[in-house]
Amino acid sequence: MLDGYRSAPPVKGKGHLGDAHFALAQALCEAQHFAEAAELFRCVLAALRANADREAMRSVEAEVWAHLGVAMQSLDDIAAAIESYCQAVRLDPSLHVCFANLATLYMYLEDFQKAEAGSEKSVY
């Protein structure tokens, strides 16, 4: 399913990899192809990290990390989901949904102190 994007040249635009690659990853998530989506989100992140103007791309990078977190959570890779959500909120603390997702994951792991902290941050 991903063969076409692998051979395609990067699309110039938002994120320097292009909205098309990010949109494809989102579509893969919606179609419940989470492993393929995660791979594509990682490719988008690699391109963003290679961007000379990385600081200007912080909010875009945070959004990609947030989506990667959803994909990893859907794959039941709790550790990778937590790491992804943490990266997202480190870059953009206004991503309250990531804090809510972190709280949910920490509740699942029965780490109630971290769950409460994430829950508090999700509403501010």
C-alpha atoms as a PDB file:
ATOM      1  CA  MET A   1       0.000   0.000   0.000  1.00  0.00           C
ATOM      2  CA  LEU A   2       2.936   2.378   0.628  1.00  0.00           C
ATOM      3  CA  ASP A   3       4.982   1.645  -2.485  1.00  0.00           C
ATOM      4  CA  GLY A   4       3.777   4.758  -4.317  1.00  0.00           C
ATOM      5  CA  TYR A   5       4.803   7.239  -1.650  1.00  0.00           C
ATOM      6  CA  ARG A   6       8.232   5.632  -1.170  1.00  0.00           C
ATOM      7  CA  SER A   7       9.225   6.335  -4.754  1.00  0.00           C
ATOM      8  CA  ALA A   8       7.546   9.727  -4.950  1.00  0.00           C
ATOM      9  CA  PRO A   9       9.720  12.823  -4.640  1.00  0.00           C
ATOM     10  CA  PRO A  10       9.087  15.008  -1.597  1.00  0.00           C
ATOM     11  CA  VAL A  11       6.288  17.476  -2.083  1.00  0.00           C
ATOM     12  CA  LYS A  12       7.212  21.060  -1.289  1.00  0.00           C
ATOM     13  CA  GLY A  13       4.886  22.846   1.059  1.00  0.00           C
ATOM     14  CA  LYS A  14       3.877  22.772   4.679  1.00  0.00           C
ATOM     15  CA  GLY A  15       6.341  20.545   6.467  1.00  0.00           C
ATOM     16  CA  HIS A  16       8.586  20.349   3.374  1.00  0.00           C
ATOM     17  CA  LEU A  17       7.427  16.784   2.851  1.00  0.00           C
ATOM     18  CA  GLY A  18       4.035  18.017   1.917  1.00  0.00           C
ATOM     19  CA  ASP A  19       0.544  17.745   3.151  1.00  0.00           C
ATOM     20  CA  ALA A  20      -0.102  14.850   0.766  1.00  0.00           C
ATOM     21  CA  HIS A  21       2.130  12.443   2.720  1.00  0.00           C
ATOM     22  CA  PHE A  22       0.607  13.472   6.030  1.00  0.00           C
ATOM     23  CA  ALA A  23      -2.894  13.165   4.568  1.00  0.00           C
ATOM     24  CA  LEU A  24      -2.079   9.666   3.312  1.00  0.00           C
ATOM     25  CA  ALA A  25      -0.972   8.646   6.809  1.00  0.00           C
ATOM     26  CA  GLN A  26      -4.200  10.047   8.251  1.00  0.00           C
ATOM     27  CA  ALA A  27      -6.219   8.142   5.637  1.00  0.00           C
ATOM     28  CA  LEU A  28      -4.362   4.956   6.533  1.00  0.00           C
ATOM     29  CA  CYS A  29      -5.326   5.476  10.186  1.00  0.00           C
ATOM     30  CA  GLU A  30      -8.945   6.048   9.251  1.00  0.00           C
ATOM     31  CA  ALA A  31      -8.840   2.793   7.244  1.00  0.00           C
ATOM     32  CA  GLN A  32      -7.360   1.100  10.338  1.00  0.00           C
ATOM     33  CA  HIS A  33      -4.021   0.390   8.644  1.00  0.00           C
ATOM     34  CA  PHE A  34      -2.189   1.589  11.727  1.00  0.00           C
ATOM     35  CA  ALA A  35       1.185  -0.063  11.102  1.00  0.00           C
ATOM     36  CA  GLU A  36       1.439   1.471   7.635  1.00  0.00           C
ATOM     37  CA  ALA A  37       0.279   4.838   8.973  1.00  0.00           C
ATOM     38  CA  ALA A  38       2.892   4.717  11.741  1.00  0.00           C
ATOM     39  CA  GLU A  39       5.628   4.024   9.213  1.00  0.00           C
ATOM     40  CA  LEU A  40       4.538   6.991   7.127  1.00  0.00           C
ATOM     41  CA  PHE A  41       4.240   9.289  10.167  1.00  0.00           C
ATOM     42  CA  ARG A  42       7.842   8.331  11.060  1.00  0.00           C
ATOM     43  CA  CYS A  43       8.938   9.262   7.527  1.00  0.00           C
ATOM     44  CA  VAL A  44       7.238  12.640   7.881  1.00  0.00           C
ATOM     45  CA  LEU A  45       8.992  13.156  11.242  1.00  0.00           C
ATOM     46  CA  ALA A  46      12.362  12.306   9.705  1.00  0.00           C
ATOM     47  CA  ALA A  47      11.798  14.880   6.986  1.00  0.00           C
ATOM     48  CA  LEU A  48      10.791  17.492   9.537  1.00  0.00           C
ATOM     49  CA  ARG A  49      13.896  16.796  11.629  1.00  0.00           C
ATOM     50  CA  ALA A  50      16.035  17.293   8.520  1.00  0.00           C
ATOM     51  CA  ASN A  51      14.412  20.679   7.887  1.00  0.00           C
ATOM     52  CA  ALA A  52      16.857  23.563   8.357  1.00  0.00           C
ATOM     53  CA  ASP A  53      14.036  25.672   9.818  1.00  0.00           C
ATOM     54  CA  ARG A  54      12.998  23.033  12.341  1.00  0.00           C
ATOM     55  CA  GLU A  55      12.058  25.551  15.031  1.00  0.00           C
ATOM     56  CA  ALA A  56       9.410  27.049  12.755  1.00  0.00           C
ATOM     57  CA  MET A  57       7.979  23.567  12.210  1.00  0.00           C
ATOM     58  CA  ARG A  58       7.480  22.734  15.912  1.00  0.00           C
ATOM     59  CA  SER A  59       3.685  22.782  15.809  1.00  0.00           C
ATOM     60  CA  VAL A  60       3.627  20.632  12.659  1.00  0.00           C
ATOM     61  CA  GLU A  61       6.050  18.169  14.220  1.00  0.00           C
ATOM     62  CA  ALA A  62       3.926  18.070  17.383  1.00  0.00           C
ATOM     63  CA  GLU A  63       0.828  17.270  15.338  1.00  0.00           C
ATOM     64  CA  VAL A  64       2.614  14.408  13.595  1.00  0.00           C
ATOM     65  CA  TRP A  65       3.816  13.019  16.944  1.00  0.00           C
ATOM     66  CA  ALA A  66       0.216  13.203  18.219  1.00  0.00           C
ATOM     67  CA  HIS A  67      -1.064  11.237  15.229  1.00  0.00           C
ATOM     68  CA  LEU A  68       1.737   8.701  15.623  1.00  0.00           C
ATOM     69  CA  GLY A  69       0.612   8.288  19.229  1.00  0.00           C
ATOM     70  CA  VAL A  70      -2.900   7.437  18.075  1.00  0.00           C
ATOM     71  CA  ALA A  71      -1.545   4.875  15.603  1.00  0.00           C
ATOM     72  CA  MET A  72       0.693   3.274  18.220  1.00  0.00           C
ATOM     73  CA  GLN A  73      -2.101   3.212  20.789  1.00  0.00           C
ATOM     74  CA  SER A  74      -4.311   1.498  18.216  1.00  0.00           C
ATOM     75  CA  LEU A  75      -1.572  -1.096  17.728  1.00  0.00           C
ATOM     76  CA  ASP A  76      -1.491  -1.649  21.524  1.00  0.00           C
ATOM     77  CA  ASP A  77       2.105  -0.429  21.687  1.00  0.00           C
ATOM     78  CA  ILE A  78       1.521   1.493  24.876  1.00  0.00           C
ATOM     79  CA  ALA A  79       5.157   2.486  25.448  1.00  0.00           C
ATOM     80  CA  ALA A  80       5.491   3.916  21.925  1.00  0.00           C
ATOM     81  CA  ALA A  81       2.148   5.699  22.254  1.00  0.00           C
ATOM     82  CA  ILE A  82       3.218   7.307  25.531  1.00  0.00           C
ATOM     83  CA  GLU A  83       6.547   8.356  24.012  1.00  0.00           C
ATOM     84  CA  SER A  84       4.773   9.843  20.990  1.00  0.00           C
ATOM     85  CA  TYR A  85       2.275  11.801  23.077  1.00  0.00           C
ATOM     86  CA  CYS A  86       5.082  13.041  25.350  1.00  0.00           C
ATOM     87  CA  GLN A  87       7.034  14.262  22.322  1.00  0.00           C
ATOM     88  CA  ALA A  88       3.898  16.016  21.043  1.00  0.00           C
ATOM     89  CA  VAL A  89       3.231  17.924  24.275  1.00  0.00           C
ATOM     90  CA  ARG A  90       6.919  18.739  24.714  1.00  0.00           C
ATOM     91  CA  LEU A  91       6.754  20.538  21.371  1.00  0.00           C
ATOM     92  CA  ASP A  92       3.260  21.983  21.852  1.00  0.00           C
ATOM     93  CA  PRO A  93       1.846  21.989  25.390  1.00  0.00           C
ATOM     94  CA  SER A  94      -1.516  23.202  24.057  1.00  0.00           C
ATOM     95  CA  LEU A  95      -2.282  19.725  22.646  1.00  0.00           C
ATOM     96  CA  HIS A  96      -4.678  18.917  25.481  1.00  0.00           C
ATOM     97  CA  VAL A  97      -6.007  15.795  23.787  1.00  0.00           C
ATOM     98  CA  CYS A  98      -2.521  14.277  24.074  1.00  0.00           C
ATOM     99  CA  PHE A  99      -2.597  14.863  27.826  1.00  0.00           C
ATOM    100  CA  ALA A 100      -6.019  13.178  27.948  1.00  0.00           C
ATOM    101  CA  ASN A 101      -4.676  10.216  25.968  1.00  0.00           C
ATOM    102  CA  LEU A 102      -1.667  10.023  28.284  1.00  0.00           C
ATOM    103  CA  ALA A 103      -3.991  10.005  31.292  1.00  0.00           C
ATOM    104  CA  THR A 104      -5.969   7.146  29.748  1.00  0.00           C
ATOM    105  CA  LEU A 105      -2.833   5.127  29.054  1.00  0.00           C
ATOM    106  CA  TYR A 106      -1.430   5.719  32.534  1.00  0.00           C
ATOM    107  CA  MET A 107      -4.771   4.629  34.032  1.00  0.00           C
ATOM    108  CA  TYR A 108      -4.531   1.461  31.943  1.00  0.00           C
ATOM    109  CA  LEU A 109      -1.029   0.905  33.364  1.00  0.00           C
ATOM    110  CA  GLU A 110      -2.385   1.673  36.851  1.00  0.00           C
ATOM    111  CA  ASP A 111       0.030   4.578  37.268  1.00  0.00           C
ATOM    112  CA  PHE A 112      -2.564   6.745  38.949  1.00  0.00           C
ATOM    113  CA  GLN A 113      -0.239   9.616  39.852  1.00  0.00           C
ATOM    114  CA  LYS A 114       0.765  10.167  36.212  1.00  0.00           C
ATOM    115  CA  ALA A 115      -2.829   9.613  35.106  1.00  0.00           C
ATOM    116  CA  GLU A 116      -4.017  12.374  37.415  1.00  0.00           C
ATOM    117  CA  ALA A 117      -1.299  14.749  36.197  1.00  0.00           C
ATOM    118  CA  GLY A 118      -2.214  14.100  32.578  1.00  0.00           C
ATOM    119  CA  SER A 119      -5.886  14.508  33.336  1.00  0.00           C
ATOM    120  CA  GLU A 120      -5.318  17.881  35.023  1.00  0.00           C
ATOM    121  CA  LYS A 121      -3.302  19.152  32.043  1.00  0.00           C
ATOM    122  CA  SER A 122      -5.913  17.973  29.570  1.00  0.00           C
ATOM    123  CA  VAL A 123      -8.465  20.513  30.770  1.00  0.00           C
ATOM    124  CA  TYR A 124      -6.312  23.659  30.878  1.00  0.00           C
END
